[in-house]
Amino acid sequence: MTIKQFLYGLIPTHDPSIMNAHKAYINTLSANTLFTSNHDTICYYQSNTPTPRPNISYTSSSSCGNSTVNNQIGPLQQILAASFGAALTSLFVTPLDVIKTRKQARTIPDGKSLAQSIRFIVSKEGITGLWRGLAPAVVMQVPSTGLYYSTYDNIRRNIDEDWVYSPLVAGTSARLLAATVTSPFEYIRTVAQSSSSMDKKTGLGLLKNMSYKNMWTGLWPTILRDTPFSAIYWMCYESSKKKLRSHFSADNQPEIFLTSFASGALAGSLAATVTTPIDVVKTRIQSDANGVHIRMWDTAKQIHAEDGIKGFFRGYVPRMARVAPACAIMISSYEIFKELV
């Protein structure tokens, strides 16, 4: 690909007159001029301001914080940024994940509020009971999230980022890969969090004695939960982030953090609400399996027989209390870390 072909690929195509003006200007540039196109603005990286062209505004590189060039970091930096966010998120939200899992697995008595559930676990297991399953969560989340976010960014780079459905395609593809690779650790984490008696030795024994087939127990409900979650999350996140950042400076790190945090919380809340029913099914399958294959449909019928429709939203409050801040912390720390590496 020539430099000219690359620059042509950056041109917005929503207005033919603007597109033609961009192309005409590209043809006048020397090969060593580096610039990107950001909607109707040319961001130039040279000492002298370019000669104005019709319908195009010009700005220096320092004002083009959302440009393609400034946000292009390598896969290693992407993985480091995502892994940092994943470790931070796991540490803060594991207690809420434990409560959510136990409510869905019915190991916490019905009718207890979030605060009562916390007191119940602490009274039985001590404060450390709230962080049960933290080790497999970190082992799973750090590489999984690194793979997930770096795959998402790289897929979006290789398709038209201005295409309205690019977050959906990139998000579902990245999540499908990450969920499949880390499914055995998701299983171990769910079993550890749903039980008050599982210790490190028992967990390692479960992993050691697990057959190849059982390692992927609950994979299909995990995929059916995670891929729609990712599709909804990224579509909502990219849209709300774009709207919020249009009112702020692209180079201001506190504003980058706040817009990412708010967009992540909103997108995560919406995605969590839609996917809670399949999350309940997944948790029940993995916590009840004991090495036995359980069909999703049979589990869904059992949940409905026990509690009706409300059974599919068991653990909704702690899940929402977990997912919204987790998504906010994860994406905002990822965006900021990308700026620093």
Protein backbone atom coordinates (compact mmCIF):
# COMPACT_ATOMS: atom_id res chain seq x y z
CA MET A 1 0.00 0.00 0.00
CA THR A 2 1.39 3.42 -0.95
CA ILE A 3 1.27 6.43 1.36
CA LYS A 4 -1.29 8.02 -0.95
CA GLN A 5 -3.53 4.93 -0.82
CA PHE A 6 -3.28 4.89 2.97
CA LEU A 7 -4.24 8.56 3.20
CA TYR A 8 -7.14 8.03 0.82
CA GLY A 9 -8.44 5.40 3.24
CA LEU A 10 -8.68 8.02 6.00
CA ILE A 11 -10.99 10.30 4.03
CA PRO A 12 -14.60 10.57 5.26
CA THR A 13 -17.01 9.68 2.48
CA HIS A 14 -20.27 11.22 3.73
CA ASP A 15 -19.84 14.37 1.57
CA PRO A 16 -18.50 14.00 -2.02
CA SER A 17 -17.30 17.61 -2.16
CA ILE A 18 -15.28 17.20 1.02
CA MET A 19 -13.93 13.85 -0.20
CA ASN A 20 -12.78 15.36 -3.50
CA ALA A 21 -11.20 18.32 -1.74
CA HIS A 22 -9.30 15.95 0.55
CA LYS A 23 -8.04 13.95 -2.43
CA ALA A 24 -6.96 17.07 -4.25
CA TYR A 25 -5.00 18.19 -1.23
CA ILE A 26 -3.37 14.76 -0.74
CA ASN A 27 -2.04 14.98 -4.29
CA THR A 28 -0.21 18.20 -3.37
CA LEU A 29 1.47 16.80 -0.26
CA SER A 30 5.07 15.67 -0.12
CA ALA A 31 5.70 12.05 0.87
CA ASN A 32 7.15 12.99 4.24
CA THR A 33 4.08 14.88 5.47
CA LEU A 34 2.13 12.94 8.08
CA PHE A 35 -1.48 13.80 8.78
CA THR A 36 -4.82 12.19 9.51
CA SER A 37 -8.37 13.02 8.57
CA ASN A 38 -10.79 13.50 11.46
CA HIS A 39 -14.28 13.97 10.00
CA ASP A 40 -14.14 17.42 8.28
CA THR A 41 -10.74 18.36 9.72
CA ILE A 42 -7.25 17.71 8.42
CA CYS A 43 -4.78 17.28 11.27
CA TYR A 44 -1.35 18.23 9.96
CA TYR A 45 2.03 17.20 11.33
CA GLN A 46 4.38 19.72 9.68
CA SER A 47 5.87 23.07 10.57
CA ASN A 48 3.77 25.21 8.23
CA THR A 49 -0.02 25.38 8.07
CA PRO A 50 -1.26 23.92 4.76
CA THR A 51 -2.87 26.13 2.13
CA PRO A 52 -6.61 26.16 2.95
CA ARG A 53 -8.89 24.09 0.74
CA PRO A 54 -12.69 24.45 0.34
CA ASN A 55 -14.94 23.06 3.11
CA ILE A 56 -12.00 21.83 5.20
CA SER A 57 -10.72 23.22 8.50
CA TYR A 58 -7.14 22.70 9.60
CA THR A 59 -5.70 22.11 13.05
CA SER A 60 -2.33 21.19 14.46
CA SER A 61 -1.54 17.64 15.63
CA SER A 62 -1.83 18.71 19.29
CA SER A 63 -5.59 19.22 18.81
CA CYS A 64 -6.23 15.89 17.12
CA GLY A 65 -6.36 13.64 20.20
CA ASN A 66 -8.94 11.29 18.67
CA SER A 67 -7.08 10.85 15.40
CA THR A 68 -6.15 7.46 14.08
CA VAL A 69 -2.42 8.11 14.38
CA ASN A 70 -2.53 9.18 18.03
CA ASN A 71 -4.52 6.14 19.15
CA GLN A 72 -2.52 3.56 17.24
CA ILE A 73 -0.61 1.52 19.83
CA GLY A 74 0.83 -1.93 19.41
CA PRO A 75 -0.71 -5.25 20.53
CA LEU A 76 1.66 -5.52 23.52
CA GLN A 77 0.63 -2.08 24.81
CA GLN A 78 -3.03 -2.99 24.27
CA ILE A 79 -2.62 -6.20 26.26
CA LEU A 80 -0.76 -4.39 29.06
CA ALA A 81 -3.43 -1.68 29.23
CA ALA A 82 -6.27 -4.21 29.33
CA SER A 83 -4.49 -6.48 31.83
CA PHE A 84 -3.93 -3.55 34.19
CA GLY A 85 -7.64 -2.71 34.06
CA ALA A 86 -8.65 -6.35 34.51
CA ALA A 87 -6.52 -6.84 37.63
CA LEU A 88 -7.84 -3.62 39.15
CA THR A 89 -11.44 -4.55 38.33
CA SER A 90 -11.17 -8.09 39.73
CA LEU A 91 -9.87 -6.80 43.04
CA PHE A 92 -12.74 -4.35 43.52
CA VAL A 93 -15.77 -6.27 42.22
CA THR A 94 -15.11 -9.89 43.28
CA PRO A 95 -17.29 -9.54 46.44
CA LEU A 96 -20.28 -8.52 44.32
CA ASP A 97 -19.55 -11.36 41.91
CA VAL A 98 -19.53 -13.84 44.81
CA ILE A 99 -22.91 -12.59 46.04
CA LYS A 100 -24.39 -12.66 42.52
CA THR A 101 -23.15 -16.20 41.90
CA ARG A 102 -24.47 -17.53 45.20
CA LYS A 103 -27.87 -15.98 44.72
CA GLN A 104 -28.12 -17.55 41.29
CA ALA A 105 -26.87 -20.90 42.61
CA ARG A 106 -29.35 -20.61 45.52
CA THR A 107 -26.67 -20.99 48.22
CA ILE A 108 -27.79 -17.76 49.90
CA PRO A 109 -31.26 -17.85 51.50
CA ASP A 110 -33.99 -16.15 49.48
CA GLY A 111 -35.11 -12.65 50.35
CA LYS A 112 -31.79 -11.30 51.59
CA SER A 113 -30.78 -7.83 50.43
CA LEU A 114 -27.30 -7.00 49.20
CA ALA A 115 -26.21 -5.81 52.66
CA GLN A 116 -27.77 -8.85 54.35
CA SER A 117 -26.03 -11.15 51.87
CA ILE A 118 -22.68 -9.55 52.72
CA ARG A 119 -23.29 -10.03 56.45
CA PHE A 120 -24.41 -13.63 55.86
CA ILE A 121 -21.20 -14.56 54.02
CA VAL A 122 -18.94 -12.72 56.48
CA SER A 123 -20.62 -14.38 59.48
CA LYS A 124 -20.07 -17.85 57.99
CA GLU A 125 -16.65 -17.48 56.34
CA GLY A 126 -15.10 -14.25 57.52
CA ILE A 127 -14.26 -11.25 55.38
CA THR A 128 -12.11 -13.37 53.04
CA GLY A 129 -15.24 -15.24 51.96
CA LEU A 130 -16.20 -12.20 49.89
CA TRP A 131 -13.05 -12.66 47.80
CA ARG A 132 -13.54 -16.38 47.25
CA GLY A 133 -12.53 -17.30 43.72
CA LEU A 134 -10.27 -14.24 43.35
CA ALA A 135 -7.27 -16.31 42.20
CA PRO A 136 -9.06 -18.03 39.28
CA ALA A 137 -10.78 -14.71 38.51
CA VAL A 138 -7.42 -12.96 38.11
CA VAL A 139 -5.90 -15.90 36.23
CA MET A 140 -8.85 -15.79 33.86
CA GLN A 141 -9.57 -12.07 33.62
CA VAL A 142 -6.07 -10.72 33.03
CA PRO A 143 -5.17 -12.76 29.91
CA SER A 144 -8.81 -12.94 28.79
CA THR A 145 -9.33 -9.18 28.95
CA GLY A 146 -5.97 -8.50 27.36
CA LEU A 147 -6.88 -10.81 24.48
CA TYR A 148 -10.42 -9.40 24.29
CA TYR A 149 -9.54 -5.70 24.14
CA SER A 150 -6.52 -6.06 21.87
CA THR A 151 -8.55 -8.24 19.47
CA TYR A 152 -11.38 -5.70 19.52
CA ASP A 153 -9.06 -2.80 18.72
CA ASN A 154 -7.27 -4.67 15.96
CA ILE A 155 -10.48 -5.88 14.29
CA ARG A 156 -11.81 -2.32 14.29
CA ARG A 157 -8.57 -1.11 12.76
CA ASN A 158 -8.98 -3.52 9.88
CA ILE A 159 -12.58 -2.65 9.08
CA ASP A 160 -14.21 0.71 8.44
CA GLU A 161 -14.30 2.35 11.89
CA ASP A 162 -16.96 4.78 10.68
CA TRP A 163 -19.30 1.88 9.82
CA VAL A 164 -22.09 1.99 12.38
CA TYR A 165 -21.91 -1.77 13.05
CA SER A 166 -18.13 -2.02 13.39
CA PRO A 167 -18.28 -2.11 17.25
CA LEU A 168 -20.83 -4.95 17.02
CA VAL A 169 -18.71 -7.05 14.66
CA ALA A 170 -15.45 -6.41 16.50
CA GLY A 171 -16.99 -6.89 19.95
CA THR A 172 -18.75 -10.18 19.25
CA SER A 173 -15.75 -11.63 17.41
CA ALA A 174 -13.32 -10.68 20.18
CA ARG A 175 -15.60 -11.99 22.93
CA LEU A 176 -16.20 -15.29 21.14
CA LEU A 177 -12.46 -15.91 21.01
CA ALA A 178 -11.77 -14.83 24.60
CA ALA A 179 -14.71 -16.77 26.09
CA THR A 180 -13.69 -19.98 24.35
CA VAL A 181 -10.03 -19.77 25.38
CA THR A 182 -10.75 -19.03 29.06
CA SER A 183 -13.84 -21.22 29.57
CA PRO A 184 -12.11 -23.72 31.93
CA PHE A 185 -11.12 -20.90 34.31
CA GLU A 186 -14.63 -19.44 34.14
CA TYR A 187 -15.93 -22.84 35.24
CA ILE A 188 -13.48 -23.06 38.16
CA ARG A 189 -14.29 -19.50 39.24
CA THR A 190 -18.04 -20.14 39.21
CA VAL A 191 -17.69 -23.35 41.23
CA ALA A 192 -15.37 -21.62 43.73
CA GLN A 193 -17.68 -18.65 44.20
CA SER A 194 -20.86 -20.68 44.49
CA SER A 195 -19.50 -22.84 47.31
CA SER A 196 -18.55 -21.89 50.85
CA SER A 197 -16.42 -25.01 51.32
CA MET A 198 -14.17 -24.96 48.27
CA ASP A 199 -10.57 -24.11 49.16
CA LYS A 200 -7.41 -23.77 47.08
CA LYS A 201 -6.58 -27.45 47.36
CA THR A 202 -10.07 -28.50 46.28
CA GLY A 203 -9.98 -26.09 43.34
CA LEU A 204 -6.64 -27.38 42.13
CA GLY A 205 -7.91 -30.94 42.53
CA LEU A 206 -11.00 -30.12 40.48
CA LEU A 207 -8.87 -28.63 37.73
CA LYS A 208 -6.44 -31.58 37.80
CA ASN A 209 -9.18 -34.23 37.60
CA MET A 210 -11.23 -32.41 34.99
CA SER A 211 -11.68 -34.28 31.71
CA TYR A 212 -11.13 -32.50 28.40
CA LYS A 213 -14.89 -32.38 27.79
CA ASN A 214 -15.74 -31.13 31.28
CA MET A 215 -13.24 -28.29 30.97
CA TRP A 216 -15.74 -26.54 28.72
CA THR A 217 -18.81 -27.11 30.90
CA GLY A 218 -21.11 -24.15 30.38
CA LEU A 219 -19.26 -22.91 27.29
CA TRP A 220 -22.39 -22.47 25.16
CA PRO A 221 -24.37 -20.47 27.73
CA THR A 222 -21.20 -18.43 28.34
CA ILE A 223 -20.98 -17.63 24.63
CA LEU A 224 -24.71 -16.90 24.47
CA ARG A 225 -24.28 -14.50 27.37
CA ASP A 226 -21.01 -12.85 26.39
CA THR A 227 -21.45 -12.28 22.66
CA PRO A 228 -24.78 -10.38 22.96
CA PHE A 229 -23.34 -8.56 25.97
CA SER A 230 -20.35 -7.44 23.90
CA ALA A 231 -22.49 -6.42 20.94
CA ILE A 232 -24.76 -4.26 23.11
CA TYR A 233 -21.88 -2.94 25.21
CA TRP A 234 -19.61 -1.77 22.39
CA MET A 235 -22.42 -0.29 20.30
CA CYS A 236 -23.65 1.72 23.30
CA TYR A 237 -20.16 2.60 24.55
CA GLU A 238 -18.77 3.90 21.26
CA SER A 239 -21.93 5.89 20.56
CA SER A 240 -22.15 7.54 24.00
CA LYS A 241 -18.38 8.16 24.13
CA LYS A 242 -18.49 9.92 20.76
CA LYS A 243 -21.35 12.16 21.88
CA LEU A 244 -19.76 13.01 25.23
CA ARG A 245 -16.30 13.70 23.81
CA SER A 246 -17.71 16.09 21.23
CA HIS A 247 -18.19 18.48 24.18
CA PHE A 248 -14.73 18.06 25.69
CA SER A 249 -11.06 18.41 24.79
CA ALA A 250 -9.57 15.29 23.24
CA ASP A 251 -6.20 15.87 24.96
CA ASN A 252 -7.49 16.31 28.52
CA GLN A 253 -6.83 13.06 30.42
CA PRO A 254 -9.33 13.70 33.26
CA GLU A 255 -12.03 14.30 30.64
CA ILE A 256 -10.98 11.18 28.70
CA PHE A 257 -11.30 9.24 31.96
CA LEU A 258 -14.70 10.70 32.89
CA THR A 259 -16.26 10.22 29.45
CA SER A 260 -14.96 6.65 29.27
CA PHE A 261 -16.12 5.93 32.84
CA ALA A 262 -19.64 7.27 32.25
CA SER A 263 -19.99 5.57 28.86
CA GLY A 264 -18.71 2.27 30.23
CA ALA A 265 -21.11 2.30 33.19
CA LEU A 266 -24.10 3.11 30.96
CA ALA A 267 -23.21 0.50 28.34
CA GLY A 268 -22.46 -2.16 30.96
CA SER A 269 -25.76 -1.57 32.78
CA LEU A 270 -27.79 -1.98 29.59
CA ALA A 271 -25.90 -5.08 28.46
CA ALA A 272 -26.14 -6.67 31.92
CA THR A 273 -29.90 -6.18 32.08
CA VAL A 274 -30.48 -7.85 28.73
CA THR A 275 -28.18 -10.82 29.40
CA THR A 276 -29.04 -11.61 33.03
CA PRO A 277 -31.42 -14.52 32.18
CA ILE A 278 -28.74 -16.48 30.28
CA ASP A 279 -26.23 -15.61 33.03
CA VAL A 280 -28.52 -17.31 35.56
CA VAL A 281 -28.72 -20.40 33.34
CA LYS A 282 -24.92 -20.49 32.92
CA THR A 283 -24.29 -20.21 36.65
CA ARG A 284 -26.75 -22.97 37.49
CA ILE A 285 -25.23 -25.31 34.90
CA GLN A 286 -21.67 -24.76 36.12
CA SER A 287 -22.47 -24.88 39.84
CA ASP A 288 -24.65 -28.01 39.56
CA ALA A 289 -22.71 -29.93 36.92
CA ASN A 290 -20.30 -32.05 39.04
CA GLY A 291 -18.89 -33.46 35.84
CA VAL A 292 -22.32 -34.29 34.41
CA HIS A 293 -23.51 -32.74 31.15
CA ILE A 294 -26.59 -30.56 31.72
CA ARG A 295 -28.60 -29.16 28.84
CA MET A 296 -29.42 -25.45 28.77
CA TRP A 297 -33.07 -26.05 28.00
CA ASP A 298 -33.48 -28.46 30.94
CA THR A 299 -31.87 -25.94 33.28
CA ALA A 300 -34.07 -23.13 31.97
CA LYS A 301 -37.21 -25.24 32.53
CA GLN A 302 -36.07 -26.07 36.06
CA ILE A 303 -35.49 -22.39 36.88
CA HIS A 304 -38.92 -21.47 35.52
CA ALA A 305 -40.59 -24.28 37.47
CA GLU A 306 -38.96 -23.11 40.72
CA ASP A 307 -39.43 -19.35 40.49
CA GLY A 308 -41.22 -18.45 37.27
CA ILE A 309 -39.93 -15.57 35.15
CA LYS A 310 -38.40 -13.81 38.16
CA GLY A 311 -36.07 -16.76 38.57
CA PHE A 312 -34.21 -15.65 35.44
CA PHE A 313 -33.37 -12.37 37.17
CA ARG A 314 -32.10 -13.92 40.38
CA GLY A 315 -29.00 -12.03 41.48
CA TYR A 316 -29.82 -9.08 39.23
CA VAL A 317 -29.08 -6.40 41.86
CA PRO A 318 -25.58 -7.63 42.81
CA ARG A 319 -24.86 -8.33 39.14
CA MET A 320 -25.81 -4.79 38.20
CA ALA A 321 -23.86 -3.43 41.18
CA ARG A 322 -20.87 -5.41 39.91
CA VAL A 323 -21.10 -4.93 36.13
CA ALA A 324 -21.67 -1.16 35.95
CA PRO A 325 -18.59 -0.17 37.99
CA ALA A 326 -16.54 -3.04 36.53
CA CYS A 327 -17.18 -1.87 32.97
CA ALA A 328 -16.57 1.74 33.97
CA ILE A 329 -13.28 0.98 35.75
CA MET A 330 -12.10 -1.40 33.05
CA ILE A 331 -12.67 0.79 30.01
CA SER A 332 -11.57 4.07 31.61
CA SER A 333 -8.34 2.57 32.98
CA TYR A 334 -7.76 0.95 29.58
CA GLU A 335 -8.23 4.25 27.72
CA ILE A 336 -5.98 6.16 30.14
CA PHE A 337 -3.30 3.46 30.19
CA LYS A 338 -3.23 3.50 26.39
CA GLU A 339 -2.42 7.21 26.57
CA LEU A 340 0.47 6.56 28.95
CA VAL A 341 2.24 3.62 27.26
